[in-house]
Protein backbone atom coordinates (compact mmCIF):
# COMPACT_ATOMS: atom_id res chain seq x y z
CA MET A 1 0.00 0.00 0.00
CA TYR A 2 1.55 3.22 -1.21
CA SER A 3 0.70 6.93 -1.46
CA LYS A 4 2.39 10.19 -2.41
CA ILE A 5 1.50 13.66 -1.12
CA ASN A 6 3.28 16.84 -2.22
CA SER A 7 4.65 19.29 0.31
CA ALA A 8 7.52 21.80 0.61
CA SER A 9 10.46 22.76 2.79
CA ILE A 10 12.34 26.02 3.29
CA ILE A 11 16.01 26.72 2.54
CA GLY A 12 16.92 30.32 3.30
CA ILE A 13 13.86 32.28 2.20
CA ASP A 14 12.94 30.02 -0.71
CA ALA A 15 10.95 26.79 -0.73
CA PHE A 16 11.47 23.55 -2.66
CA ASN A 17 9.05 20.76 -3.44
CA VAL A 18 9.15 17.68 -1.18
CA GLU A 19 7.33 14.45 -2.05
CA ILE A 20 5.95 12.60 0.99
CA GLU A 21 6.00 8.92 0.05
CA THR A 22 4.25 6.50 2.42
CA HIS A 23 4.43 2.71 2.39
CA LEU A 24 2.39 0.36 4.63
CA ASP A 25 3.70 -3.17 5.13
CA ASN A 26 2.14 -6.18 6.90
CA GLN A 27 4.89 -6.50 9.47
CA LEU A 28 5.25 -5.69 13.14
CA PRO A 29 3.84 -2.19 13.85
CA ALA A 30 6.47 0.53 13.48
CA PHE A 31 6.60 4.12 12.30
CA SER A 32 9.78 5.52 10.74
CA VAL A 33 10.47 8.76 8.87
CA VAL A 34 13.50 8.85 6.54
CA GLY A 35 14.97 11.45 4.17
CA LEU A 36 17.15 13.60 6.49
CA PRO A 37 14.41 14.83 8.88
CA ASP A 38 15.36 17.15 11.73
CA SER A 39 14.13 16.70 15.31
CA ALA A 40 10.83 18.54 14.68
CA VAL A 41 10.05 16.25 11.71
CA LYS A 42 10.99 13.10 13.65
CA GLU A 43 8.69 14.15 16.50
CA SER A 44 5.83 14.40 14.01
CA ARG A 45 5.31 10.64 14.45
CA GLU A 46 3.76 11.18 17.88
CA ARG A 47 1.68 14.18 16.76
CA VAL A 48 0.45 12.43 13.61
CA THR A 49 -0.47 9.24 15.47
CA ALA A 50 -2.53 11.09 18.07
CA ALA A 51 -4.10 13.43 15.47
CA ILE A 52 -5.27 10.55 13.26
CA LYS A 53 -6.84 8.69 16.20
CA ASN A 54 -8.46 11.82 17.67
CA SER A 55 -9.91 12.69 14.24
CA ASN A 56 -11.89 9.41 14.36
CA PHE A 57 -9.77 7.63 11.76
CA VAL A 58 -8.34 4.13 12.23
CA PHE A 59 -4.57 4.24 12.63
CA PRO A 60 -3.11 1.34 10.60
CA ASN A 61 -1.57 -1.41 12.73
CA LYS A 62 1.26 -1.96 10.25
CA LYS A 63 4.86 -1.03 9.58
CA ILE A 64 4.76 2.55 8.26
CA THR A 65 7.67 3.99 6.30
CA VAL A 66 7.56 7.66 5.30
CA ASN A 67 10.18 8.97 2.88
CA LEU A 68 10.81 12.68 2.34
CA ALA A 69 12.18 13.08 -1.17
CA PRO A 70 14.70 14.32 -2.22
CA ALA A 71 16.36 12.30 0.51
CA ASP A 72 19.74 14.08 0.41
CA VAL A 73 18.43 17.50 1.56
CA ARG A 74 17.71 18.20 5.21
CA LYS A 75 14.01 18.79 6.05
CA GLU A 76 13.13 21.16 8.88
CA GLY A 77 10.05 22.34 10.75
CA SER A 78 6.69 21.03 11.89
CA GLY A 79 4.83 21.79 8.64
CA PHE A 80 5.13 18.16 7.45
CA ASP A 81 2.57 16.91 10.00
CA LEU A 82 -0.43 17.37 7.70
CA PRO A 83 1.07 15.81 4.53
CA ILE A 84 2.47 12.86 6.53
CA ALA A 85 -0.95 12.24 8.12
CA LEU A 86 -2.64 12.54 4.71
CA GLY A 87 -0.11 10.11 3.25
CA ILE A 88 -0.86 7.49 5.90
CA LEU A 89 -4.62 7.90 5.49
CA ALA A 90 -4.33 7.72 1.69
CA ALA A 91 -2.18 4.58 1.86
CA SER A 92 -4.72 2.95 4.20
CA GLY A 93 -7.57 3.69 1.77
CA ASN A 94 -9.30 6.71 3.27
CA PHE A 95 -9.03 8.62 -0.02
CA ASP A 96 -7.46 8.28 -3.45
CA TYR A 97 -4.09 10.03 -3.39
CA VAL A 98 -4.08 10.28 -7.20
CA LYS A 99 -6.80 12.94 -6.89
CA SER A 100 -4.38 15.05 -4.84
CA ASN A 101 -1.60 15.11 -7.45
CA ASP A 102 -2.31 18.79 -8.14
CA VAL A 103 -2.46 19.65 -4.41
CA MET A 104 0.34 20.75 -2.10
CA ALA A 105 -0.27 20.47 1.65
CA MET A 106 1.45 22.04 4.68
CA GLY A 107 0.49 22.41 8.33
CA GLU A 108 1.34 21.51 11.91
CA LEU A 109 -1.09 19.20 13.74
CA SER A 110 -2.18 19.37 17.33
CA LEU A 111 -2.80 16.11 19.19
CA GLU A 112 -6.56 16.52 18.68
CA GLY A 113 -6.14 16.88 14.92
CA MET A 114 -6.48 20.66 14.59
CA LEU A 115 -4.11 22.66 12.37
CA ARG A 116 -1.64 25.23 13.65
CA PRO A 117 0.14 27.91 11.57
CA ILE A 118 3.58 27.40 10.03
CA HIS A 119 6.45 29.63 8.90
CA GLY A 120 7.23 30.53 5.30
CA ALA A 121 3.70 30.34 3.84
CA LEU A 122 4.47 32.96 1.17
CA SER A 123 7.57 31.13 -0.06
CA ILE A 124 5.67 27.83 -0.13
CA ALA A 125 2.85 29.37 -2.16
CA LEU A 126 5.36 30.74 -4.67
CA GLU A 127 6.96 27.29 -5.01
CA ALA A 128 3.54 25.61 -5.42
CA ARG A 129 2.67 27.98 -8.26
CA GLU A 130 6.04 27.51 -9.93
CA LYS A 131 5.72 23.71 -9.83
CA GLY A 132 2.26 23.88 -11.41
CA PHE A 133 0.04 22.88 -8.48
CA SER A 134 -3.49 24.25 -8.64
CA LYS A 135 -4.39 24.02 -4.93
CA LEU A 136 -2.54 24.64 -1.68
CA LEU A 137 -3.91 23.26 1.61
CA MET A 138 -2.91 25.64 4.40
CA PRO A 139 -3.90 26.36 8.02
CA GLU A 140 -6.49 29.13 8.18
CA GLU A 141 -4.00 31.46 9.94
CA ASN A 142 -1.59 31.26 6.96
CA ALA A 143 -4.20 31.55 4.22
CA GLY A 144 -4.11 35.36 3.99
CA GLU A 145 -0.34 35.38 3.54
CA ALA A 146 -0.27 32.53 1.00
CA ALA A 147 -3.14 34.08 -0.99
CA MET A 148 -0.88 37.03 -1.83
CA VAL A 149 0.41 34.78 -4.62
CA LYS A 150 -1.86 34.87 -7.64
CA GLY A 151 -2.38 31.86 -9.89
CA ILE A 152 -3.01 29.27 -7.17
CA MET A 153 -6.06 28.45 -5.04
CA VAL A 154 -5.29 28.62 -1.33
CA ILE A 155 -7.65 26.29 0.57
CA PRO A 156 -7.86 27.21 4.28
CA VAL A 157 -8.45 24.18 6.53
CA ASN A 158 -8.70 24.00 10.30
CA SER A 159 -8.35 20.26 10.93
CA LEU A 160 -7.12 16.96 9.53
CA ARG A 161 -10.70 15.73 9.25
CA GLN A 162 -11.66 18.77 7.14
CA ALA A 163 -8.65 18.28 4.85
CA VAL A 164 -9.59 14.63 4.18
CA GLU A 165 -13.21 15.52 3.54
CA PHE A 166 -12.13 18.16 1.05
CA LEU A 167 -9.84 15.73 -0.80
CA ASN A 168 -12.70 13.20 -0.86
CA ASP A 169 -15.01 15.82 -2.44
CA GLU A 170 -17.34 15.52 0.56
CA ILE A 171 -17.23 19.27 1.27
CA ASP A 172 -16.48 22.43 -0.67
CA ILE A 173 -14.14 25.05 0.79
CA GLU A 174 -14.07 28.49 -0.70
CA PRO A 175 -10.50 29.47 -1.73
CA HIS A 176 -9.11 32.35 0.30
CA PHE A 177 -8.81 35.65 -1.56
CA THR A 178 -6.54 38.51 -0.51
CA ASP A 179 -6.72 41.87 -2.25
CA ILE A 180 -3.04 42.71 -2.29
CA HIS A 181 -3.66 46.22 -3.64
CA LYS A 182 -5.74 47.31 -0.66
CA TYR A 183 -2.57 47.33 1.44
CA PHE A 184 -1.15 50.00 -0.87
CA GLU A 185 -4.23 52.17 -1.30
CA ASN A 186 -3.32 54.56 1.50
CA ASP A 187 0.28 55.72 1.39
CA ASP A 188 -0.34 58.45 3.98
CA ILE A 189 0.74 56.42 7.01
CA GLU A 190 0.23 57.97 10.43
CA HIS A 191 3.34 57.99 12.65
CA TYR A 192 3.36 58.88 16.32
CA LEU A 193 6.89 60.29 15.85
CA ASP A 194 7.64 63.35 13.73
CA MET A 195 10.70 65.33 12.66
CA LYS A 196 9.07 68.54 13.91
CA ASP A 197 9.65 67.28 17.47
CA VAL A 198 13.43 67.72 17.02
CA LYS A 199 14.66 71.20 17.95
CA GLY A 200 17.40 72.64 15.75
CA GLN A 201 19.82 70.28 13.96
CA GLU A 202 18.81 71.53 10.51
CA ILE A 203 22.05 70.30 8.90
CA VAL A 204 21.51 66.80 10.31
CA LYS A 205 17.90 66.78 9.11
CA ARG A 206 19.09 67.70 5.64
CA ALA A 207 21.62 64.85 5.74
CA MET A 208 18.87 62.46 6.81
CA GLU A 209 16.68 63.66 3.94
CA VAL A 210 19.50 62.94 1.46
CA SER A 211 20.11 59.58 3.14
CA ALA A 212 16.42 58.61 2.91
CA ALA A 213 16.08 59.82 -0.68
CA GLY A 214 18.94 57.69 -1.98
CA GLY A 215 19.06 54.89 0.60
CA HIS A 216 22.53 55.98 1.73
CA ASN A 217 24.27 54.89 4.93
CA LEU A 218 24.61 57.62 7.55
CA LEU A 219 26.86 58.13 10.58
CA MET A 220 26.04 60.74 13.24
CA ILE A 221 28.77 61.88 15.65
CA GLY A 222 27.94 64.06 18.62
CA PRO A 223 27.96 64.43 22.42
CA PRO A 224 25.40 62.69 24.65
CA GLY A 225 21.98 64.37 24.61
CA SER A 226 22.41 66.08 21.25
CA GLY A 227 19.49 64.15 19.75
CA LYS A 228 21.17 61.39 17.71
CA THR A 229 18.85 58.59 18.86
CA MET A 230 15.81 60.87 18.68
CA LEU A 231 16.62 61.68 15.06
CA ALA A 232 17.35 58.05 14.18
CA LYS A 233 13.98 56.85 15.45
CA ARG A 234 12.28 59.31 13.10
CA ILE A 235 14.05 58.17 9.93
CA THR A 236 11.16 55.83 9.03
CA THR A 237 8.73 58.78 9.06
CA ILE A 238 10.45 60.29 6.01
CA LEU A 239 11.15 57.09 4.08
CA PRO A 240 8.96 56.36 1.03
CA PRO A 241 6.43 53.49 1.21
CA LEU A 242 7.52 50.05 0.08
CA THR A 243 6.81 49.16 -3.52
CA LEU A 244 4.91 45.91 -4.08
CA GLU A 245 8.07 44.11 -5.18
CA GLU A 246 10.02 45.35 -2.15
CA SER A 247 7.13 44.41 0.14
CA LEU A 248 6.97 40.84 -1.15
CA GLU A 249 10.74 40.37 -0.73
CA THR A 250 10.59 41.71 2.83
CA THR A 251 7.51 39.62 3.66
CA LYS A 252 9.28 36.41 2.61
CA ILE A 253 12.06 37.07 5.12
CA HIS A 254 9.68 37.91 7.97
CA SER A 255 7.52 34.92 7.04
CA VAL A 256 10.28 32.30 7.37
CA THR A 257 11.25 33.76 10.76
CA GLY A 258 7.66 33.71 12.02
CA PHE A 259 7.35 37.45 12.58
CA LEU A 260 4.14 37.91 10.59
CA THR A 261 0.78 38.09 12.36
CA ASN A 262 -2.67 37.11 11.15
CA ASP A 263 -3.63 40.78 10.81
CA THR A 264 -0.56 41.70 8.73
CA PRO A 265 -0.01 39.07 6.02
CA LEU A 266 2.08 41.57 4.07
CA VAL A 267 4.84 43.88 5.34
CA LYS A 268 3.88 47.40 4.34
CA LEU A 269 6.08 49.54 6.61
CA ARG A 270 9.83 49.64 6.06
CA PRO A 271 11.55 47.62 8.81
CA PHE A 272 13.49 49.44 11.53
CA ARG A 273 15.87 47.16 13.42
CA SER A 274 17.90 48.41 16.37
CA PRO A 275 19.97 45.59 17.92
CA HIS A 276 21.80 46.07 21.21
CA HIS A 277 25.57 46.44 21.08
CA THR A 278 26.01 43.07 22.83
CA ILE A 279 24.74 41.26 19.71
CA SER A 280 26.89 38.47 18.26
CA ASP A 281 28.12 38.36 14.69
CA ALA A 282 25.89 35.34 13.92
CA ALA A 283 22.79 37.13 15.25
CA LEU A 284 23.65 40.18 13.15
CA VAL A 285 24.30 38.56 9.77
CA GLY A 286 22.49 35.25 10.29
CA GLY A 287 23.46 31.70 11.13
CA GLY A 288 22.78 29.07 13.77
CA MET A 289 23.94 25.63 14.85
CA ASN A 290 21.15 23.42 13.46
CA ARG A 291 19.05 25.75 11.32
CA ILE A 292 20.49 28.76 9.49
CA LYS A 293 18.23 31.71 10.22
CA PRO A 294 18.31 35.26 8.83
CA GLY A 295 20.02 37.87 11.00
CA GLU A 296 19.23 41.50 11.76
CA ILE A 297 20.67 42.73 8.46
CA SER A 298 18.22 40.55 6.51
CA LEU A 299 15.30 41.48 8.77
CA ALA A 300 16.17 45.10 7.91
CA HIS A 301 15.99 44.35 4.15
CA HIS A 302 14.56 47.41 2.32
CA GLY A 303 14.51 49.18 5.67
CA VAL A 304 16.87 50.61 8.30
CA LEU A 305 19.48 48.98 10.55
CA PHE A 306 20.24 51.37 13.41
CA LEU A 307 23.46 50.79 15.34
CA ASP A 308 23.44 53.05 18.39
CA GLU A 309 26.79 53.71 20.11
CA LEU A 310 28.71 52.19 17.20
CA PRO A 311 32.14 51.81 18.92
CA GLU A 312 30.53 49.73 21.71
CA PHE A 313 29.87 46.91 19.25
CA ALA A 314 32.55 44.22 19.15
CA ARG A 315 35.14 44.74 16.39
CA ASN A 316 34.46 41.35 14.80
CA VAL A 317 30.70 42.11 14.73
CA LEU A 318 31.24 45.36 12.83
CA GLU A 319 33.70 43.84 10.39
CA VAL A 320 31.21 41.20 9.18
CA LEU A 321 29.08 44.08 7.85
CA ARG A 322 31.63 45.05 5.22
CA GLN A 323 30.68 42.48 2.57
CA PRO A 324 26.87 42.73 3.00
CA LEU A 325 27.07 46.53 2.72
CA GLU A 326 28.82 46.14 -0.61
CA ASP A 327 27.00 43.10 -2.08
CA LYS A 328 23.49 43.77 -0.64
CA LYS A 329 23.28 40.11 0.37
CA ILE A 330 24.87 37.65 2.78
CA VAL A 331 25.96 34.09 1.96
CA ILE A 332 26.20 31.83 5.02
CA SER A 333 28.13 28.63 4.41
CA ARG A 334 28.22 25.54 6.59
CA THR A 335 29.69 22.09 6.03
CA LYS A 336 26.52 20.61 4.54
CA THR A 337 24.76 23.63 3.09
CA SER A 338 25.05 27.23 1.92
CA VAL A 339 22.22 29.77 2.27
CA GLU A 340 21.90 33.22 0.70
CA TYR A 341 19.78 35.93 2.34
CA PRO A 342 19.07 39.37 0.87
CA ALA A 343 20.45 42.28 2.90
CA ASN A 344 19.75 45.51 1.03
CA PHE A 345 19.41 47.80 4.03
CA MET A 346 20.20 51.38 4.94
CA MET A 347 22.66 51.52 7.85
CA LEU A 348 22.16 54.34 10.32
CA CYS A 349 24.79 54.74 13.04
CA SER A 350 25.42 57.05 15.97
CA MET A 351 28.40 57.50 18.27
CA ASN A 352 30.08 59.81 20.73
CA PRO A 353 33.35 61.47 19.64
CA CYS A 354 35.17 59.98 22.63
CA PRO A 355 34.49 57.80 25.72
CA CYS A 356 33.37 60.77 27.84
CA GLY A 357 31.52 62.32 24.91
CA ASN A 358 32.92 65.86 25.22
CA PHE A 359 35.73 65.79 22.66
CA GLY A 360 35.31 68.74 20.30
CA ASP A 361 32.61 70.39 22.44
CA PRO A 362 33.56 74.08 22.94
CA THR A 363 31.53 74.36 26.16
CA LYS A 364 32.77 71.25 28.00
CA GLN A 365 36.15 69.88 28.98
CA CYS A 366 37.09 66.45 27.59
CA SER A 367 38.59 64.19 30.28
CA CYS A 368 39.94 61.57 27.85
CA THR A 369 43.61 61.20 26.99
CA PRO A 370 44.61 61.24 23.28
CA GLN A 371 45.38 57.54 23.53
CA LYS A 372 41.90 56.78 24.91
CA ILE A 373 40.27 58.76 22.13
CA GLN A 374 42.38 57.01 19.51
CA ASN A 375 41.55 53.57 20.93
CA TYR A 376 37.86 54.47 21.03
CA LEU A 377 37.72 55.68 17.44
CA SER A 378 39.93 52.89 16.09
CA LYS A 379 37.17 50.38 16.87
CA ILE A 380 35.66 51.51 13.56
CA SER A 381 37.95 50.47 10.75
CA GLY A 382 38.70 52.58 7.69
CA PRO A 383 37.15 50.07 5.26
CA LEU A 384 33.87 50.09 7.21
CA LEU A 385 33.89 53.88 7.39
CA ASP A 386 34.39 54.03 3.62
CA ARG A 387 31.12 52.16 3.20
CA ILE A 388 29.17 54.82 5.09
CA ASP A 389 28.11 57.46 2.57
CA LEU A 390 27.39 60.41 4.86
CA HIS A 391 29.19 61.46 8.05
CA VAL A 392 27.58 64.34 9.89
CA GLU A 393 28.32 66.10 13.17
CA VAL A 394 25.46 66.49 15.64
CA PRO A 395 26.38 69.37 17.98
CA ALA A 396 24.78 70.00 21.34
CA VAL A 397 21.53 71.96 21.01
CA LYS A 398 21.66 75.52 22.31
CA TYR A 399 19.21 76.81 24.92
CA GLN A 400 17.64 79.27 22.49
CA GLU A 401 16.69 76.44 20.15
CA LEU A 402 15.40 74.20 22.93
CA SER A 403 13.22 76.93 24.43
CA SER A 404 11.92 78.14 21.07
CA LYS A 405 8.24 77.48 20.39
CA ARG A 406 8.79 77.46 16.64
CA GLU A 407 8.23 74.03 15.16
CA GLY A 408 10.58 72.62 12.58
CA GLU A 409 9.55 71.12 9.27
CA ASN A 410 7.33 68.08 9.75
CA SER A 411 8.02 64.59 8.44
CA LYS A 412 5.20 64.72 5.90
CA SER A 413 6.80 67.62 4.01
CA ILE A 414 10.23 66.01 3.99
CA ARG A 415 8.73 62.67 2.98
CA SER A 416 6.99 64.21 -0.03
CA ARG A 417 10.36 65.40 -1.39
CA VAL A 418 11.93 62.01 -0.68
CA ILE A 419 9.11 60.20 -2.52
CA LYS A 420 9.55 62.45 -5.57
CA ALA A 421 13.29 61.73 -5.60
CA ARG A 422 12.65 57.98 -5.30
CA GLU A 423 10.15 58.11 -8.17
CA ILE A 424 12.85 59.65 -10.36
CA GLN A 425 15.21 56.81 -9.37
CA LEU A 426 12.66 54.05 -9.96
CA LYS A 427 12.05 55.43 -13.44
CA ARG A 428 15.79 55.69 -14.05
CA PHE A 429 16.56 52.12 -12.94
CA GLN A 430 13.55 50.49 -14.56
CA GLY A 431 14.58 47.07 -15.85
CA SER A 432 17.72 46.86 -13.68
CA PHE A 433 18.40 45.30 -10.27
CA SER A 434 18.72 48.71 -8.59
CA PHE A 435 15.92 50.34 -6.59
CA LYS A 436 17.73 53.53 -5.55
CA ASN A 437 20.93 55.52 -6.04
CA ALA A 438 22.78 53.69 -3.27
CA ASP A 439 22.38 50.45 -5.28
CA MET A 440 24.09 51.79 -8.41
CA SER A 441 26.72 49.59 -10.02
CA SER A 442 29.97 50.95 -11.43
CA GLN A 443 28.49 50.95 -14.92
CA GLU A 444 25.40 52.85 -13.74
CA ILE A 445 27.59 55.42 -11.97
CA LYS A 446 29.38 56.09 -15.26
CA GLU A 447 26.05 56.40 -17.07
CA TYR A 448 24.09 58.56 -14.62
CA CYS A 449 26.80 60.53 -12.77
CA ASP A 450 28.46 62.42 -15.60
CA LEU A 451 30.28 65.56 -14.35
CA ASP A 452 31.20 68.80 -16.07
CA ASN A 453 34.77 70.16 -15.92
CA SER A 454 34.27 72.39 -12.86
CA SER A 455 32.69 69.54 -10.88
CA GLN A 456 35.52 67.21 -11.85
CA GLU A 457 38.12 69.73 -10.69
CA LEU A 458 36.33 70.19 -7.36
CA LEU A 459 36.13 66.45 -6.78
CA LYS A 460 39.78 66.00 -7.78
CA LEU A 461 40.81 68.65 -5.25
CA ALA A 462 38.78 67.00 -2.49
CA MET A 463 40.21 63.57 -3.24
CA SER A 464 43.79 64.77 -3.02
CA ARG A 465 43.36 66.99 0.07
CA LEU A 466 41.22 64.61 2.11
CA GLY A 467 42.99 61.45 0.97
CA LEU A 468 39.76 59.71 0.08
CA SER A 469 39.68 56.16 -1.33
CA ALA A 470 38.27 55.01 -4.66
CA ARG A 471 35.23 53.67 -2.79
CA ALA A 472 34.68 57.08 -1.21
CA TYR A 473 34.85 58.58 -4.70
CA ASP A 474 31.95 56.37 -5.82
CA ARG A 475 30.00 57.22 -2.66
CA ILE A 476 30.37 60.94 -3.31
CA LEU A 477 29.03 60.52 -6.84
CA LYS A 478 26.04 58.51 -5.60
CA VAL A 479 25.20 61.08 -2.91
CA ALA A 480 25.60 63.92 -5.42
CA ARG A 481 23.20 62.13 -7.76
CA THR A 482 20.65 61.96 -4.93
CA ILE A 483 21.08 65.65 -4.08
CA ALA A 484 20.51 66.46 -7.75
CA ASP A 485 17.34 64.32 -7.73
CA LEU A 486 16.04 66.18 -4.68
CA SER A 487 16.47 69.44 -6.57
CA ASN A 488 14.88 67.85 -9.67
CA SER A 489 18.06 68.43 -11.65
CA GLU A 490 18.97 66.13 -14.51
CA LYS A 491 22.66 67.11 -14.36
CA ILE A 492 24.98 66.98 -11.35
CA SER A 493 26.29 70.50 -10.69
CA THR A 494 29.18 71.87 -8.63
CA SER A 495 26.84 72.67 -5.71
CA HIS A 496 25.66 69.05 -5.58
CA ILE A 497 29.25 67.77 -5.55
CA SER A 498 30.19 70.33 -2.91
CA GLU A 499 27.40 69.23 -0.56
CA ALA A 500 28.24 65.56 -1.09
CA ILE A 501 31.92 66.21 -0.23
CA GLN A 502 30.83 68.04 2.91
CA TYR A 503 29.26 64.81 4.13
CA ARG A 504 32.57 62.92 3.65
CA SER A 505 34.94 65.32 5.39
CA LEU A 506 33.92 64.65 8.99
CA ASP A 507 35.68 61.29 9.23
CA ARG A 508 39.00 62.91 8.36
CA GLU A 509 38.67 65.42 11.19
CA TYR A 510 38.33 62.64 13.78
CA TRP A 511 40.31 59.80 12.21
CA LYS A 512 43.55 61.62 11.45
């Protein structure tokens, strides 16, 4: 007695088809699962046995062998409970498994036979559509997320009994429908934070506007209490809304990590991740002993990664950021597998100029020795600093600005300019892999960052005097392109280059 049920497993953020083959033999009762199952899959034997019995089905008193094909790839998670149970019931004659050849099934079973949600529903739905399946059996809690994929019928089921009755054509279940466009109808998102709450710091706000418009990395240096963290928390209020393509990519990552809720099957807001400085390198970029999971840089994909008090992070943690910042992805390799996660994020950092925080402050005396300051600043390497597009000083706010009742420009106004600049970039990079100016390749820099003679002379002078690297040269051109987009200028002028250079000079003042 044999049956085959189709299912799927997750590697990274993508799914692959898994065939659940079940064989019943007239030997001493036993239940074995083969095909490189992890602990959660092995434990499914107990859950499946109890679920079948508590769903008023007869559990076969035979030797049961379940094979998860392909057998040379490790299978993880509890989502195989439902297809394994269906395979056993089909092999014992409860329904004809041939009728389910165009069906993919996933779901975790409780001991009473009810279905519980799983991770990675969106990726599984995409794989089911790609492999040509017409129906996808899913727990009701995952149906909204899976139904984001068009071209496949998502059948929400709440129990093993209901799934069998559906496959036996005893009941009809209406496919779940999700109107993906309704999540993008209202772009005017209400935020409880606003840039107008920040007193003064107009230069920093301008730098943040440029950073948001082009997706550039930003470093803020200033004494304690100058408003660095306050400004950083408001960066999402001026970022443009996610495009549908960006939203789907981000949702896949949050889906496989289990961060999605029933009410939010699609990520609409740009992620803002702010890990503590005690974070490990594996937690930051991704990894794990048994299962490789995405790290903070992938959870911040198409959003912001905020590193507060940058020098307090361990040196090895900061250094692992260098490659992802350049490649916009992270490849995690282990002995038996290699997983690639997307990591196209905007890095926002803040730090004090010295351990006591008063170095360079004209009103306060710095108590740090030159050696202490050098040791503190040397925690951030030159190569990592080169990958940060804008460096801006955040001075202490004066009393007159703090006591002033005049409100600064609100986030909505700044955001409108950022959105217009992003629209120019989306049109410019249509058909390429770039979403924004920060993503530009070397070839795109040559094509879209053409300079006149005066701008070239200015940039040449800055390169020689500040001793900037070739990478810094590219960063200046990218930032200048964004400044030009904000001013709705097709050509990069001397003023745009001058402002972009201004945002690169700060590191040389402190890192000499």
